[in-house]
Amino acid sequence: MYVILLPDGTLRVPHGVLDDEVIAQGYVEVRPGDPDYDRLRPGAITAEEMESKRATWRAGDEDLLRMFEQYKAATEDQSP
């Protein structure tokens, strides 16, 4: 997960909770002036950069699925 810089300067920061009964993942917003803002800001990416990463991942998913289907077809042909 990535720290995302929103247009108004707010950072959307990944946050997870793990205890005996709950596992949750989400984001918290950190605004300028927050004690953690200066530490988190240098590694943040814009929402547009995040969308570009998602598009690349989706394109990679299509390639991976195609390769799997080719492998599956090849191994099925060799089955007894």
N, C-alpha and C. Protein backbone atom coordinates (compact mmCIF):
# COMPACT_ATOMS: atom_id res chain seq x y z
N MET A 1 0.84 -1.17 0.00
CA MET A 1 0.00 0.00 0.00
C MET A 1 0.89 1.24 0.00
N TYR A 2 0.38 2.28 -0.58
CA TYR A 2 1.15 3.50 -0.77
C TYR A 2 0.53 4.66 -0.02
N VAL A 3 1.35 5.63 0.36
CA VAL A 3 0.88 6.90 0.88
C VAL A 3 0.50 7.74 -0.34
N ILE A 4 -0.73 8.25 -0.36
CA ILE A 4 -1.23 8.98 -1.52
C ILE A 4 -1.41 10.45 -1.14
N LEU A 5 -0.84 11.32 -1.98
CA LEU A 5 -0.96 12.76 -1.80
C LEU A 5 -2.20 13.24 -2.53
N LEU A 6 -3.18 13.77 -1.79
CA LEU A 6 -4.40 14.28 -2.38
C LEU A 6 -4.19 15.72 -2.85
N PRO A 7 -5.04 16.19 -3.75
CA PRO A 7 -4.86 17.54 -4.31
C PRO A 7 -4.80 18.67 -3.27
N ASP A 8 -5.47 18.49 -2.14
CA ASP A 8 -5.46 19.54 -1.12
C ASP A 8 -4.25 19.45 -0.17
N GLY A 9 -3.32 18.52 -0.45
CA GLY A 9 -2.13 18.37 0.38
C GLY A 9 -2.26 17.32 1.47
N THR A 10 -3.47 16.81 1.67
CA THR A 10 -3.69 15.76 2.66
C THR A 10 -3.04 14.47 2.18
N LEU A 11 -2.49 13.71 3.11
CA LEU A 11 -1.93 12.40 2.79
C LEU A 11 -2.93 11.32 3.20
N ARG A 12 -3.16 10.37 2.33
CA ARG A 12 -3.96 9.19 2.66
C ARG A 12 -2.96 8.07 2.95
N VAL A 13 -2.93 7.65 4.22
CA VAL A 13 -1.89 6.74 4.71
C VAL A 13 -2.51 5.39 5.05
N PRO A 14 -1.91 4.29 4.56
CA PRO A 14 -2.42 2.96 4.90
C PRO A 14 -2.37 2.73 6.41
N HIS A 15 -3.40 2.05 6.90
CA HIS A 15 -3.47 1.77 8.33
C HIS A 15 -4.13 0.40 8.50
N GLY A 16 -3.55 -0.42 9.34
CA GLY A 16 -4.11 -1.74 9.59
C GLY A 16 -4.36 -1.97 11.06
N VAL A 17 -5.33 -2.83 11.34
CA VAL A 17 -5.66 -3.21 12.71
C VAL A 17 -5.67 -4.72 12.76
N LEU A 18 -5.00 -5.26 13.76
CA LEU A 18 -4.95 -6.71 13.94
C LEU A 18 -5.09 -7.00 15.43
N ASP A 19 -6.12 -7.73 15.79
CA ASP A 19 -6.23 -8.21 17.16
C ASP A 19 -6.79 -9.63 17.12
N ASP A 20 -7.22 -10.15 18.23
CA ASP A 20 -7.65 -11.55 18.30
C ASP A 20 -8.85 -11.86 17.39
N GLU A 21 -9.70 -10.87 17.13
CA GLU A 21 -10.92 -11.15 16.38
C GLU A 21 -11.06 -10.35 15.09
N VAL A 22 -10.24 -9.34 14.90
CA VAL A 22 -10.43 -8.44 13.77
C VAL A 22 -9.13 -8.24 13.00
N ILE A 23 -9.24 -8.32 11.69
CA ILE A 23 -8.15 -7.92 10.80
C ILE A 23 -8.77 -6.91 9.84
N ALA A 24 -8.23 -5.70 9.83
CA ALA A 24 -8.79 -4.66 8.98
C ALA A 24 -7.68 -3.83 8.36
N GLN A 25 -7.90 -3.41 7.13
CA GLN A 25 -6.97 -2.52 6.46
C GLN A 25 -7.76 -1.37 5.86
N GLY A 26 -7.18 -0.21 5.91
CA GLY A 26 -7.83 0.98 5.37
C GLY A 26 -6.83 2.11 5.29
N TYR A 27 -7.33 3.32 5.25
CA TYR A 27 -6.49 4.50 5.18
C TYR A 27 -6.91 5.50 6.26
N VAL A 28 -5.96 6.26 6.74
CA VAL A 28 -6.24 7.42 7.59
C VAL A 28 -5.70 8.64 6.85
N GLU A 29 -6.30 9.79 7.12
CA GLU A 29 -5.84 11.01 6.47
C GLU A 29 -4.96 11.81 7.43
N VAL A 30 -3.82 12.23 6.93
CA VAL A 30 -2.85 13.01 7.70
C VAL A 30 -2.71 14.36 6.99
N ARG A 31 -3.00 15.42 7.72
CA ARG A 31 -2.99 16.76 7.13
C ARG A 31 -1.70 17.51 7.46
N PRO A 32 -1.36 18.51 6.65
CA PRO A 32 -0.20 19.34 6.98
C PRO A 32 -0.33 19.86 8.42
N GLY A 33 0.78 19.85 9.13
CA GLY A 33 0.76 20.25 10.54
C GLY A 33 0.72 19.07 11.48
N ASP A 34 0.29 17.91 10.99
CA ASP A 34 0.30 16.69 11.80
C ASP A 34 1.75 16.31 12.06
N PRO A 35 2.06 15.81 13.25
CA PRO A 35 3.45 15.45 13.56
C PRO A 35 4.09 14.46 12.58
N ASP A 36 3.32 13.59 11.96
CA ASP A 36 3.87 12.59 11.04
C ASP A 36 3.92 13.08 9.59
N TYR A 37 3.33 14.23 9.29
CA TYR A 37 3.22 14.69 7.91
C TYR A 37 4.59 14.81 7.23
N ASP A 38 5.52 15.51 7.86
CA ASP A 38 6.84 15.73 7.24
C ASP A 38 7.61 14.44 7.02
N ARG A 39 7.37 13.45 7.85
CA ARG A 39 8.04 12.16 7.70
C ARG A 39 7.44 11.36 6.55
N LEU A 40 6.13 11.46 6.37
CA LEU A 40 5.43 10.65 5.36
C LEU A 40 5.40 11.30 3.97
N ARG A 41 5.45 12.61 3.90
CA ARG A 41 5.28 13.33 2.63
C ARG A 41 6.30 12.96 1.55
N PRO A 42 7.59 12.80 1.86
CA PRO A 42 8.56 12.53 0.78
C PRO A 42 8.28 11.24 -0.02
N GLY A 43 7.69 10.25 0.59
CA GLY A 43 7.43 8.99 -0.10
C GLY A 43 6.06 8.90 -0.75
N ALA A 44 5.26 9.97 -0.64
CA ALA A 44 3.89 9.92 -1.16
C ALA A 44 3.87 10.01 -2.69
N ILE A 45 2.85 9.38 -3.26
CA ILE A 45 2.62 9.49 -4.70
C ILE A 45 1.25 10.15 -4.92
N THR A 46 1.06 10.75 -6.07
CA THR A 46 -0.22 11.39 -6.35
C THR A 46 -1.27 10.33 -6.69
N ALA A 47 -2.52 10.75 -6.65
CA ALA A 47 -3.61 9.84 -7.02
C ALA A 47 -3.47 9.38 -8.47
N GLU A 48 -2.97 10.28 -9.33
CA GLU A 48 -2.77 9.91 -10.74
C GLU A 48 -1.68 8.85 -10.87
N GLU A 49 -0.59 8.99 -10.10
CA GLU A 49 0.47 7.98 -10.12
C GLU A 49 -0.05 6.64 -9.61
N MET A 50 -0.93 6.67 -8.60
CA MET A 50 -1.50 5.44 -8.07
C MET A 50 -2.37 4.77 -9.11
N GLU A 51 -3.16 5.55 -9.84
CA GLU A 51 -4.01 4.98 -10.88
C GLU A 51 -3.17 4.39 -12.00
N SER A 52 -2.05 5.03 -12.33
CA SER A 52 -1.15 4.49 -13.34
C SER A 52 -0.58 3.15 -12.90
N LYS A 53 -0.21 3.04 -11.63
CA LYS A 53 0.28 1.76 -11.10
C LYS A 53 -0.80 0.69 -11.21
N ARG A 54 -2.04 1.04 -10.85
CA ARG A 54 -3.14 0.07 -10.93
C ARG A 54 -3.35 -0.40 -12.36
N ALA A 55 -3.28 0.52 -13.31
CA ALA A 55 -3.46 0.15 -14.72
C ALA A 55 -2.35 -0.80 -15.16
N THR A 56 -1.12 -0.55 -14.73
CA THR A 56 -0.01 -1.43 -15.06
C THR A 56 -0.22 -2.82 -14.45
N TRP A 57 -0.69 -2.85 -13.21
CA TRP A 57 -0.95 -4.15 -12.57
C TRP A 57 -2.04 -4.91 -13.31
N ARG A 58 -3.11 -4.20 -13.70
CA ARG A 58 -4.20 -4.87 -14.43
C ARG A 58 -3.70 -5.42 -15.77
N ALA A 59 -2.87 -4.66 -16.45
CA ALA A 59 -2.30 -5.13 -17.72
C ALA A 59 -1.44 -6.36 -17.47
N GLY A 60 -0.68 -6.35 -16.40
CA GLY A 60 0.14 -7.50 -16.05
C GLY A 60 -0.70 -8.71 -15.69
N ASP A 61 -1.85 -8.47 -15.08
CA ASP A 61 -2.76 -9.56 -14.75
C ASP A 61 -3.23 -10.27 -16.01
N GLU A 62 -3.51 -9.50 -17.06
CA GLU A 62 -3.96 -10.09 -18.32
C GLU A 62 -2.87 -10.97 -18.92
N ASP A 63 -1.62 -10.50 -18.88
CA ASP A 63 -0.50 -11.29 -19.39
C ASP A 63 -0.33 -12.56 -18.58
N LEU A 64 -0.42 -12.44 -17.27
CA LEU A 64 -0.26 -13.60 -16.39
C LEU A 64 -1.37 -14.62 -16.64
N LEU A 65 -2.60 -14.15 -16.78
CA LEU A 65 -3.71 -15.06 -17.06
C LEU A 65 -3.51 -15.78 -18.39
N ARG A 66 -3.07 -15.06 -19.42
CA ARG A 66 -2.81 -15.67 -20.72
C ARG A 66 -1.74 -16.75 -20.61
N MET A 67 -0.66 -16.46 -19.89
CA MET A 67 0.42 -17.45 -19.73
C MET A 67 -0.08 -18.67 -18.97
N PHE A 68 -0.91 -18.46 -17.95
CA PHE A 68 -1.46 -19.58 -17.20
C PHE A 68 -2.35 -20.45 -18.08
N GLU A 69 -3.20 -19.80 -18.87
CA GLU A 69 -4.09 -20.56 -19.75
C GLU A 69 -3.30 -21.37 -20.77
N GLN A 70 -2.20 -20.82 -21.27
CA GLN A 70 -1.34 -21.57 -22.20
C GLN A 70 -0.71 -22.77 -21.49
N TYR A 71 -0.22 -22.54 -20.28
CA TYR A 71 0.37 -23.64 -19.49
C TYR A 71 -0.67 -24.72 -19.22
N LYS A 72 -1.85 -24.29 -18.80
CA LYS A 72 -2.92 -25.24 -18.48
C LYS A 72 -3.28 -26.08 -19.70
N ALA A 73 -3.42 -25.43 -20.84
CA ALA A 73 -3.76 -26.16 -22.08
C ALA A 73 -2.64 -27.16 -22.44
N ALA A 74 -1.40 -26.75 -22.28
CA ALA A 74 -0.27 -27.62 -22.61
C ALA A 74 -0.20 -28.83 -21.68
N THR A 75 -0.48 -28.64 -20.40
CA THR A 75 -0.41 -29.76 -19.46
C THR A 75 -1.62 -30.68 -19.59
N GLU A 76 -2.76 -30.15 -19.98
CA GLU A 76 -3.93 -30.99 -20.20
C GLU A 76 -3.72 -31.92 -21.39
N ASP A 77 -3.00 -31.43 -22.41
CA ASP A 77 -2.71 -32.26 -23.58
C ASP A 77 -1.83 -33.44 -23.22
N GLN A 78 -1.05 -33.33 -22.15
CA GLN A 78 -0.10 -34.38 -21.75
C GLN A 78 -0.67 -35.31 -20.71
N SER A 79 -1.92 -35.08 -20.27
CA SER A 79 -2.53 -35.92 -19.25
C SER A 79 -2.80 -37.31 -19.79
N PRO A 80 -2.70 -38.35 -18.88
CA PRO A 80 -2.99 -39.72 -19.34
C PRO A 80 -4.45 -39.95 -19.60
